[in-house]
Amino acid sequence: MSEVNPTPDTASTAETPAKAKPAIEPVTARDWIFLAAIAVGSAGLDLWSKAWALGRLSRASSNPPPLCTPPAGLAHYLPQRIANREIVLIKDYLDLQYAENCGGAWGLLHGASEAVRRPFFLLVTIGAIAFIVHLYRTMEPGQRLMKWALPLVLGGAIGNLVDRVRLGYVVDFIHAHLKLRFHWPTFNVADIAITVGIGLMVLEYIIGPKKAPRAAVAIPVATTP
């Protein structure tokens, strides 16, 4: 009696799923150059504008007060330099005037001591820069708005970080207001870059490409006739 070699049952053989493409494409050298160019450009423009504000809108004080420390009996610190000029760009709405910001956005840690404030902002800014670089490295294909947003935020963070390291405070000089009734906190070019970058991130989240759901791989189950 001869043996019959059984033929393989194709229906009972589990199919090997095709190797999935990686969801994240590696960032190329060209992408890193783009990140560096936009970040350095925005930080450079910010620092140049602050140098202009220091020279044109303020003058040195002969006896500067303690750095970012309110004198006894006062709730706010006194500026290191003296504002000596105001340039009106749009009457009743926009002008340029020198200001110093020892705190963060919206006066964060405005009244804290220098021993607490400076290390806090340095650590937070360095952590934010590292996080931005990480996000850029893990961007998904097609995130064009994010590709612009992250370098702008990075450049703005670097610009304000340089101020905190060299001066101990951030130079602001753009003053928006509504007929002197409503005043927006004075800001600078770095703040503009950060705000635009965050706005692009939000827009990317709303209208940008969405992650494709992972397709379930169906494995046929062997059936007996």
C-alpha atoms as a PDB file:
ATOM      1  CA  MET A   1       0.000   0.000   0.000  1.00  0.00           C
ATOM      2  CA  SER A   2       1.647   3.202  -1.145  1.00  0.00           C
ATOM      3  CA  GLU A   3       1.696   6.305   0.972  1.00  0.00           C
ATOM      4  CA  VAL A   4       0.031   9.400  -0.349  1.00  0.00           C
ATOM      5  CA  ASN A   5       1.847  12.620   0.405  1.00  0.00           C
ATOM      6  CA  PRO A   6      -0.714  15.030   1.811  1.00  0.00           C
ATOM      7  CA  THR A   7      -1.042  18.257  -0.076  1.00  0.00           C
ATOM      8  CA  PRO A   8      -0.824  21.387   2.046  1.00  0.00           C
ATOM      9  CA  ASP A   9      -4.159  22.930   2.838  1.00  0.00           C
ATOM     10  CA  THR A  10      -3.808  26.557   1.820  1.00  0.00           C
ATOM     11  CA  ALA A  11      -6.920  27.509   3.736  1.00  0.00           C
ATOM     12  CA  SER A  12      -5.454  26.206   6.976  1.00  0.00           C
ATOM     13  CA  THR A  13      -2.144  27.993   6.609  1.00  0.00           C
ATOM     14  CA  ALA A  14      -1.945  31.331   8.413  1.00  0.00           C
ATOM     15  CA  GLU A  15      -0.912  34.094   6.089  1.00  0.00           C
ATOM     16  CA  THR A  16       2.109  36.101   7.071  1.00  0.00           C
ATOM     17  CA  PRO A  17       1.146  39.769   7.225  1.00  0.00           C
ATOM     18  CA  ALA A  18       3.149  42.165   5.091  1.00  0.00           C
ATOM     19  CA  LYS A  19       5.693  44.209   6.979  1.00  0.00           C
ATOM     20  CA  ALA A  20       4.061  47.495   7.929  1.00  0.00           C
ATOM     21  CA  LYS A  21       5.707  50.753   6.950  1.00  0.00           C
ATOM     22  CA  PRO A  22       6.991  52.818   9.861  1.00  0.00           C
ATOM     23  CA  ALA A  23       4.518  55.518  10.924  1.00  0.00           C
ATOM     24  CA  ILE A  24       7.326  58.060  11.359  1.00  0.00           C
ATOM     25  CA  GLU A  25       9.842  58.817   8.651  1.00  0.00           C
ATOM     26  CA  PRO A  26      13.349  59.689   9.793  1.00  0.00           C
ATOM     27  CA  VAL A  27      14.169  63.387   9.800  1.00  0.00           C
ATOM     28  CA  THR A  28      16.709  64.171   7.113  1.00  0.00           C
ATOM     29  CA  ALA A  29      19.733  66.447   7.277  1.00  0.00           C
ATOM     30  CA  ARG A  30      17.794  68.946   5.169  1.00  0.00           C
ATOM     31  CA  ASP A  31      15.037  69.026   7.793  1.00  0.00           C
ATOM     32  CA  TRP A  32      17.551  69.728  10.575  1.00  0.00           C
ATOM     33  CA  ILE A  33      19.060  72.538   8.505  1.00  0.00           C
ATOM     34  CA  PHE A  34      15.567  74.005   8.063  1.00  0.00           C
ATOM     35  CA  LEU A  35      14.953  73.805  11.830  1.00  0.00           C
ATOM     36  CA  ALA A  36      18.268  75.507  12.582  1.00  0.00           C
ATOM     37  CA  ALA A  37      17.777  78.227   9.953  1.00  0.00           C
ATOM     38  CA  ILE A  38      14.299  79.255  11.121  1.00  0.00           C
ATOM     39  CA  ALA A  39      15.184  79.023  14.820  1.00  0.00           C
ATOM     40  CA  VAL A  40      18.426  80.983  14.455  1.00  0.00           C
ATOM     41  CA  GLY A  41      16.731  83.522  12.182  1.00  0.00           C
ATOM     42  CA  SER A  42      13.856  84.211  14.574  1.00  0.00           C
ATOM     43  CA  ALA A  43      16.173  84.288  17.605  1.00  0.00           C
ATOM     44  CA  GLY A  44      18.563  86.608  15.761  1.00  0.00           C
ATOM     45  CA  LEU A  45      15.772  88.993  14.773  1.00  0.00           C
ATOM     46  CA  ASP A  46      14.528  88.993  18.359  1.00  0.00           C
ATOM     47  CA  LEU A  47      17.954  89.754  19.842  1.00  0.00           C
ATOM     48  CA  TRP A  48      18.646  92.458  17.250  1.00  0.00           C
ATOM     49  CA  SER A  49      15.318  94.165  18.032  1.00  0.00           C
ATOM     50  CA  LYS A  50      16.043  94.014  21.762  1.00  0.00           C
ATOM     51  CA  ALA A  51      19.471  95.566  21.218  1.00  0.00           C
ATOM     52  CA  TRP A  52      17.748  98.321  19.246  1.00  0.00           C
ATOM     53  CA  ALA A  53      15.254  98.860  22.092  1.00  0.00           C
ATOM     54  CA  LEU A  54      18.048  99.022  24.658  1.00  0.00           C
ATOM     55  CA  GLY A  55      19.881 101.675  22.642  1.00  0.00           C
ATOM     56  CA  ARG A  56      16.952 103.723  21.346  1.00  0.00           C
ATOM     57  CA  LEU A  57      14.241 103.415  23.977  1.00  0.00           C
ATOM     58  CA  SER A  58      16.246 103.361  27.218  1.00  0.00           C
ATOM     59  CA  ARG A  59      19.411 104.569  28.879  1.00  0.00           C
ATOM     60  CA  ALA A  60      21.633 103.183  31.596  1.00  0.00           C
ATOM     61  CA  SER A  61      20.958 104.109  35.202  1.00  0.00           C
ATOM     62  CA  SER A  62      23.812 105.603  37.216  1.00  0.00           C
ATOM     63  CA  ASN A  63      22.668 103.742  40.317  1.00  0.00           C
ATOM     64  CA  PRO A  64      20.628 100.684  39.261  1.00  0.00           C
ATOM     65  CA  PRO A  65      18.444  99.074  41.938  1.00  0.00           C
ATOM     66  CA  PRO A  66      18.838  95.439  43.034  1.00  0.00           C
ATOM     67  CA  LEU A  67      18.102  93.108  40.116  1.00  0.00           C
ATOM     68  CA  CYS A  68      14.478  91.994  40.049  1.00  0.00           C
ATOM     69  CA  THR A  69      14.093  92.616  43.790  1.00  0.00           C
ATOM     70  CA  PRO A  70      11.341  94.940  45.056  1.00  0.00           C
ATOM     71  CA  PRO A  71      12.724  97.525  47.493  1.00  0.00           C
ATOM     72  CA  ALA A  72      11.323  97.573  51.009  1.00  0.00           C
ATOM     73  CA  GLY A  73       7.787  98.930  51.036  1.00  0.00           C
ATOM     74  CA  LEU A  74       7.182  98.378  47.304  1.00  0.00           C
ATOM     75  CA  ALA A  75       5.295  95.516  45.679  1.00  0.00           C
ATOM     76  CA  HIS A  76       7.174  95.710  42.365  1.00  0.00           C
ATOM     77  CA  TYR A  77      10.832  95.834  41.450  1.00  0.00           C
ATOM     78  CA  LEU A  78      12.431  98.886  39.841  1.00  0.00           C
ATOM     79  CA  PRO A  79      13.860  98.570  36.300  1.00  0.00           C
ATOM     80  CA  GLN A  80      17.591  98.351  35.738  1.00  0.00           C
ATOM     81  CA  ARG A  81      17.474 100.858  32.877  1.00  0.00           C
ATOM     82  CA  ILE A  82      15.473 104.046  32.439  1.00  0.00           C
ATOM     83  CA  ALA A  83      12.907 104.303  29.638  1.00  0.00           C
ATOM     84  CA  ASN A  84      13.540 107.605  27.894  1.00  0.00           C
ATOM     85  CA  ARG A  85      11.590 107.471  24.643  1.00  0.00           C
ATOM     86  CA  GLU A  86       8.283 106.323  23.214  1.00  0.00           C
ATOM     87  CA  ILE A  87       7.614 105.766  19.516  1.00  0.00           C
ATOM     88  CA  VAL A  88       3.958 105.813  18.470  1.00  0.00           C
ATOM     89  CA  LEU A  89       3.234 103.463  15.574  1.00  0.00           C
ATOM     90  CA  ILE A  90      -0.581 103.574  15.588  1.00  0.00           C
ATOM     91  CA  LYS A  91      -2.077 106.291  17.736  1.00  0.00           C
ATOM     92  CA  ASP A  92      -4.197 104.934  20.595  1.00  0.00           C
ATOM     93  CA  TYR A  93      -3.356 101.338  19.649  1.00  0.00           C
ATOM     94  CA  LEU A  94       0.337 100.507  19.266  1.00  0.00           C
ATOM     95  CA  ASP A  95       3.601 102.053  20.367  1.00  0.00           C
ATOM     96  CA  LEU A  96       7.138 101.089  21.302  1.00  0.00           C
ATOM     97  CA  GLN A  97       8.360 101.667  24.843  1.00  0.00           C
ATOM     98  CA  TYR A  98      11.039  99.986  26.926  1.00  0.00           C
ATOM     99  CA  ALA A  99      10.050  97.525  29.663  1.00  0.00           C
ATOM    100  CA  GLU A 100      11.713  94.768  31.669  1.00  0.00           C
ATOM    101  CA  ASN A 101      10.097  91.468  32.589  1.00  0.00           C
ATOM    102  CA  CYS A 102      11.644  89.505  35.429  1.00  0.00           C
ATOM    103  CA  GLY A 103       8.768  87.018  35.480  1.00  0.00           C
ATOM    104  CA  GLY A 104       7.276  84.764  32.881  1.00  0.00           C
ATOM    105  CA  ALA A 105       4.127  85.055  30.800  1.00  0.00           C
ATOM    106  CA  TRP A 106       1.340  86.970  32.567  1.00  0.00           C
ATOM    107  CA  GLY A 107       3.720  87.868  35.411  1.00  0.00           C
ATOM    108  CA  LEU A 108       4.515  84.307  36.493  1.00  0.00           C
ATOM    109  CA  LEU A 109       6.916  84.410  39.487  1.00  0.00           C
ATOM    110  CA  HIS A 110       7.013  88.184  39.162  1.00  0.00           C
ATOM    111  CA  GLY A 111       7.595  88.691  42.881  1.00  0.00           C
ATOM    112  CA  ALA A 112       9.752  85.620  43.550  1.00  0.00           C
ATOM    113  CA  SER A 113      13.346  85.957  44.691  1.00  0.00           C
ATOM    114  CA  GLU A 114      16.162  85.883  42.164  1.00  0.00           C
ATOM    115  CA  ALA A 115      17.493  82.638  43.684  1.00  0.00           C
ATOM    116  CA  VAL A 116      14.225  80.921  42.744  1.00  0.00           C
ATOM    117  CA  ARG A 117      13.219  82.750  39.575  1.00  0.00           C
ATOM    118  CA  ARG A 118      16.329  82.478  37.428  1.00  0.00           C
ATOM    119  CA  PRO A 119      17.046  78.729  37.946  1.00  0.00           C
ATOM    120  CA  PHE A 120      13.342  77.973  37.418  1.00  0.00           C
ATOM    121  CA  PHE A 121      13.113  79.763  34.076  1.00  0.00           C
ATOM    122  CA  LEU A 122      16.468  78.418  32.886  1.00  0.00           C
ATOM    123  CA  LEU A 123      15.479  74.824  33.628  1.00  0.00           C
ATOM    124  CA  VAL A 124      12.003  75.223  32.140  1.00  0.00           C
ATOM    125  CA  THR A 125      13.359  76.819  28.963  1.00  0.00           C
ATOM    126  CA  ILE A 126      16.075  74.194  28.480  1.00  0.00           C
ATOM    127  CA  GLY A 127      13.490  71.449  29.034  1.00  0.00           C
ATOM    128  CA  ALA A 128      11.159  73.093  26.513  1.00  0.00           C
ATOM    129  CA  ILE A 129      13.950  73.306  23.922  1.00  0.00           C
ATOM    130  CA  ALA A 130      14.747  69.607  24.366  1.00  0.00           C
ATOM    131  CA  PHE A 131      11.051  68.733  24.035  1.00  0.00           C
ATOM    132  CA  ILE A 132      10.698  70.812  20.857  1.00  0.00           C
ATOM    133  CA  VAL A 133      13.672  69.025  19.272  1.00  0.00           C
ATOM    134  CA  HIS A 134      12.114  65.681  20.242  1.00  0.00           C
ATOM    135  CA  LEU A 135       8.778  66.640  18.653  1.00  0.00           C
ATOM    136  CA  TYR A 136      10.551  67.723  15.481  1.00  0.00           C
ATOM    137  CA  ARG A 137      12.441  64.436  15.307  1.00  0.00           C
ATOM    138  CA  THR A 138       9.215  62.428  15.631  1.00  0.00           C
ATOM    139  CA  MET A 139       7.028  64.446  13.243  1.00  0.00           C
ATOM    140  CA  GLU A 140       4.717  62.502  10.977  1.00  0.00           C
ATOM    141  CA  PRO A 141       4.794  62.838   7.185  1.00  0.00           C
ATOM    142  CA  GLY A 142       2.655  65.706   5.900  1.00  0.00           C
ATOM    143  CA  GLN A 143       2.787  67.870   9.034  1.00  0.00           C
ATOM    144  CA  ARG A 144       3.792  70.995   7.139  1.00  0.00           C
ATOM    145  CA  LEU A 145       2.432  73.479   9.667  1.00  0.00           C
ATOM    146  CA  MET A 146       4.233  71.703  12.498  1.00  0.00           C
ATOM    147  CA  LYS A 147       7.453  71.885  10.501  1.00  0.00           C
ATOM    148  CA  TRP A 148       7.244  75.693  10.706  1.00  0.00           C
ATOM    149  CA  ALA A 149       5.710  75.891  14.173  1.00  0.00           C
ATOM    150  CA  LEU A 150       8.440  74.079  16.096  1.00  0.00           C
ATOM    151  CA  PRO A 151      11.376  76.167  14.764  1.00  0.00           C
ATOM    152  CA  LEU A 152       9.495  79.388  15.539  1.00  0.00           C
ATOM    153  CA  VAL A 153       8.797  78.322  19.118  1.00  0.00           C
ATOM    154  CA  LEU A 154      12.405  77.158  19.460  1.00  0.00           C
ATOM    155  CA  GLY A 155      13.782  80.475  18.183  1.00  0.00           C
ATOM    156  CA  GLY A 156      11.557  82.466  20.528  1.00  0.00           C
ATOM    157  CA  ALA A 157      12.573  80.334  23.498  1.00  0.00           C
ATOM    158  CA  ILE A 158      16.255  80.800  22.662  1.00  0.00           C
ATOM    159  CA  GLY A 159      15.837  84.576  22.316  1.00  0.00           C
ATOM    160  CA  ASN A 160      14.273  84.961  25.746  1.00  0.00           C
ATOM    161  CA  LEU A 161      16.741  82.486  27.269  1.00  0.00           C
ATOM    162  CA  VAL A 162      19.673  84.612  26.093  1.00  0.00           C
ATOM    163  CA  ASP A 163      18.122  87.629  27.809  1.00  0.00           C
ATOM    164  CA  ARG A 164      17.693  85.777  31.103  1.00  0.00           C
ATOM    165  CA  VAL A 165      21.301  84.543  31.001  1.00  0.00           C
ATOM    166  CA  ARG A 166      22.974  87.833  30.076  1.00  0.00           C
ATOM    167  CA  LEU A 167      20.640  90.348  31.775  1.00  0.00           C
ATOM    168  CA  GLY A 168      18.617  88.436  34.350  1.00  0.00           C
ATOM    169  CA  TYR A 169      15.357  89.681  32.790  1.00  0.00           C
ATOM    170  CA  VAL A 170      13.641  89.789  29.404  1.00  0.00           C
ATOM    171  CA  VAL A 171      13.499  93.008  27.376  1.00  0.00           C
ATOM    172  CA  ASP A 172      10.002  93.906  26.120  1.00  0.00           C
ATOM    173  CA  PHE A 173       9.163  96.931  24.013  1.00  0.00           C
ATOM    174  CA  ILE A 174       5.984  96.348  21.953  1.00  0.00           C
ATOM    175  CA  HIS A 175       3.020  97.914  23.719  1.00  0.00           C
ATOM    176  CA  ALA A 176      -0.486  97.245  22.383  1.00  0.00           C
ATOM    177  CA  HIS A 177      -3.451  98.999  23.959  1.00  0.00           C
ATOM    178  CA  LEU A 178      -6.904 100.325  23.255  1.00  0.00           C
ATOM    179  CA  LYS A 179      -6.940 104.099  23.754  1.00  0.00           C
ATOM    180  CA  LEU A 180      -5.062 103.641  27.047  1.00  0.00           C
ATOM    181  CA  ARG A 181      -8.105 101.845  28.517  1.00  0.00           C
ATOM    182  CA  PHE A 182      -7.058  98.260  27.871  1.00  0.00           C
ATOM    183  CA  HIS A 183      -3.364  97.364  27.926  1.00  0.00           C
ATOM    184  CA  TRP A 184      -1.977  94.127  26.562  1.00  0.00           C
ATOM    185  CA  PRO A 185       1.178  93.055  28.443  1.00  0.00           C
ATOM    186  CA  THR A 186       4.243  94.479  26.709  1.00  0.00           C
ATOM    187  CA  PHE A 187       5.939  91.842  24.553  1.00  0.00           C
ATOM    188  CA  ASN A 188       8.815  91.280  22.117  1.00  0.00           C
ATOM    189  CA  VAL A 189       9.662  89.512  18.857  1.00  0.00           C
ATOM    190  CA  ALA A 190      10.390  86.234  20.665  1.00  0.00           C
ATOM    191  CA  ASP A 191       6.878  86.293  22.121  1.00  0.00           C
ATOM    192  CA  ILE A 192       5.465  86.836  18.628  1.00  0.00           C
ATOM    193  CA  ALA A 193       7.416  83.849  17.270  1.00  0.00           C
ATOM    194  CA  ILE A 194       6.239  81.633  20.127  1.00  0.00           C
ATOM    195  CA  THR A 195       2.621  82.745  19.742  1.00  0.00           C
ATOM    196  CA  VAL A 196       2.613  82.186  15.971  1.00  0.00           C
ATOM    197  CA  GLY A 197       4.268  78.798  16.450  1.00  0.00           C
ATOM    198  CA  ILE A 198       1.695  77.676  19.009  1.00  0.00           C
ATOM    199  CA  GLY A 199      -1.092  78.928  16.737  1.00  0.00           C
ATOM    200  CA  LEU A 200       0.278  76.821  13.876  1.00  0.00           C
ATOM    201  CA  MET A 201       0.421  73.796  16.179  1.00  0.00           C
ATOM    202  CA  VAL A 202      -3.245  74.225  17.063  1.00  0.00           C
ATOM    203  CA  LEU A 203      -4.121  74.674  13.381  1.00  0.00           C
ATOM    204  CA  GLU A 204      -2.148  71.541  12.534  1.00  0.00           C
ATOM    205  CA  TYR A 205      -4.109  69.622  15.136  1.00  0.00           C
ATOM    206  CA  ILE A 206      -7.422  70.847  13.673  1.00  0.00           C
ATOM    207  CA  ILE A 207      -6.854  70.580   9.910  1.00  0.00           C
ATOM    208  CA  GLY A 208      -3.636  68.584   9.618  1.00  0.00           C
ATOM    209  CA  PRO A 209      -3.311  64.941   8.567  1.00  0.00           C
ATOM    210  CA  LYS A 210      -4.742  62.464  11.030  1.00  0.00           C
ATOM    211  CA  LYS A 211      -3.123  59.198  12.033  1.00  0.00           C
ATOM    212  CA  ALA A 212      -4.430  56.325   9.995  1.00  0.00           C
ATOM    213  CA  PRO A 213      -5.916  53.597  12.213  1.00  0.00           C
ATOM    214  CA  ARG A 214      -3.960  50.404  12.298  1.00  0.00           C
ATOM    215  CA  ALA A 215      -5.554  47.836  10.005  1.00  0.00           C
ATOM    216  CA  ALA A 216      -6.339  44.562  11.686  1.00  0.00           C
ATOM    217  CA  VAL A 217      -4.565  41.624  10.041  1.00  0.00           C
ATOM    218  CA  ALA A 218      -7.008  38.796   9.406  1.00  0.00           C
ATOM    219  CA  ILE A 219      -5.579  35.298   9.829  1.00  0.00           C
ATOM    220  CA  PRO A 220      -7.695  32.603   8.191  1.00  0.00           C
ATOM    221  CA  VAL A 221      -8.753  29.791  10.494  1.00  0.00           C
ATOM    222  CA  ALA A 222      -8.437  26.234   9.254  1.00  0.00           C
ATOM    223  CA  THR A 223     -11.769  24.552   8.732  1.00  0.00           C
ATOM    224  CA  THR A 224     -12.514  20.873   8.279  1.00  0.00           C
ATOM    225  CA  PRO A 225     -14.930  19.861   5.551  1.00  0.00           C
END
